[in-house]
Amino acid sequence: MGISASGAAALVIGWIIGSRLLRILGLGSVVAGSVFYARVKLAERNEKIEGAENKVRSALDDLDPVARAQVLADAAKSQLT
């Protein structure tokens, strides 16, 4: 987040003083910061998904085979409607 903010500041300052190099560096920093932020958010999302998968698998493992099949069939039906 800080990379993008400092890049945006450099971009604005580059426009104000007319520095092409500062504008290019600022734009590059904004893009790099945005990419970094997106990667962090995707990693957090993947961790949440893995945690939920582990909880669901654990709950399913505690069931007998018939109950497990019923739960999975119900889940599949709810996804189709």
Protein backbone atom coordinates (compact mmCIF):
# COMPACT_ATOMS: atom_id res chain seq x y z
CA MET A 1 0.00 0.00 0.00
CA GLY A 2 2.85 2.35 0.84
CA ILE A 3 4.58 1.61 -2.45
CA SER A 4 1.50 2.67 -4.40
CA ALA A 5 1.00 5.81 -2.31
CA SER A 6 4.60 6.93 -2.70
CA GLY A 7 4.42 6.14 -6.42
CA ALA A 8 1.27 8.22 -6.77
CA ALA A 9 2.97 11.09 -4.93
CA ALA A 10 6.00 10.83 -7.21
CA LEU A 11 3.72 10.78 -10.25
CA VAL A 12 1.92 13.95 -9.13
CA ILE A 13 5.16 15.71 -8.25
CA GLY A 14 6.56 14.67 -11.64
CA TRP A 15 3.58 16.29 -13.36
CA ILE A 16 3.92 19.45 -11.29
CA ILE A 17 7.62 19.95 -11.93
CA GLY A 18 7.54 18.49 -15.44
CA SER A 19 9.94 15.62 -14.77
CA ARG A 20 9.37 12.78 -17.21
CA LEU A 21 11.68 10.44 -15.26
CA LEU A 22 9.81 11.05 -12.01
CA ARG A 23 6.47 10.38 -13.73
CA ILE A 24 7.75 7.10 -15.17
CA LEU A 25 9.18 6.01 -11.83
CA GLY A 26 5.98 7.03 -10.08
CA LEU A 27 3.82 5.10 -12.50
CA GLY A 28 6.06 2.06 -12.16
CA SER A 29 5.80 2.24 -8.38
CA VAL A 30 2.01 2.50 -8.54
CA VAL A 31 1.82 -0.57 -10.75
CA ALA A 32 4.31 -2.54 -8.62
CA GLY A 33 2.48 -1.63 -5.43
CA SER A 34 -0.85 -2.65 -6.93
CA VAL A 35 0.52 -6.00 -8.06
CA PHE A 36 2.06 -6.61 -4.65
CA TYR A 37 -1.22 -5.73 -2.91
CA ALA A 38 -3.18 -8.06 -5.20
CA ARG A 39 -0.77 -10.93 -4.52
CA VAL A 40 -1.08 -10.45 -0.75
CA LYS A 41 -4.88 -10.40 -0.95
CA LEU A 42 -4.94 -13.53 -3.13
CA ALA A 43 -2.65 -15.33 -0.68
CA GLU A 44 -4.97 -14.40 2.20
CA ARG A 45 -7.96 -15.62 0.19
CA ASN A 46 -6.23 -18.94 -0.56
CA GLU A 47 -5.47 -19.41 3.15
CA LYS A 48 -9.13 -18.87 4.02
CA ILE A 49 -10.21 -21.34 1.35
CA GLU A 50 -7.75 -23.96 2.58
CA GLY A 51 -8.96 -23.49 6.16
CA ALA A 52 -12.58 -23.91 5.13
CA GLU A 53 -11.73 -26.99 3.06
CA ASN A 54 -9.96 -28.56 6.02
CA LYS A 55 -12.95 -27.91 8.30
CA VAL A 56 -15.39 -29.37 5.79
CA ARG A 57 -13.23 -32.42 5.14
CA SER A 58 -12.84 -32.99 8.87
CA ALA A 59 -16.59 -32.76 9.41
CA LEU A 60 -17.21 -35.17 6.52
CA ASP A 61 -14.64 -37.63 7.83
CA ASP A 62 -16.58 -37.82 11.11
CA LEU A 63 -19.70 -39.07 9.28
CA ASP A 64 -20.53 -42.62 8.26
CA PRO A 65 -20.40 -43.32 4.50
CA VAL A 66 -24.17 -43.06 3.97
CA ALA A 67 -24.45 -39.75 5.81
CA ARG A 68 -21.41 -38.43 3.92
CA ALA A 69 -23.04 -39.37 0.60
CA GLN A 70 -26.27 -37.63 1.61
CA VAL A 71 -24.44 -34.45 2.58
CA LEU A 72 -22.44 -34.42 -0.66
CA ALA A 73 -25.56 -35.10 -2.74
CA ASP A 74 -27.41 -32.26 -1.00
CA ALA A 75 -24.46 -29.92 -1.54
CA ALA A 76 -24.36 -30.83 -5.24
CA LYS A 77 -28.10 -30.22 -5.60
CA SER A 78 -27.86 -26.83 -3.94
CA GLN A 79 -25.10 -25.82 -6.36
CA LEU A 80 -27.25 -26.72 -9.37
CA THR A 81 -30.26 -24.63 -8.33
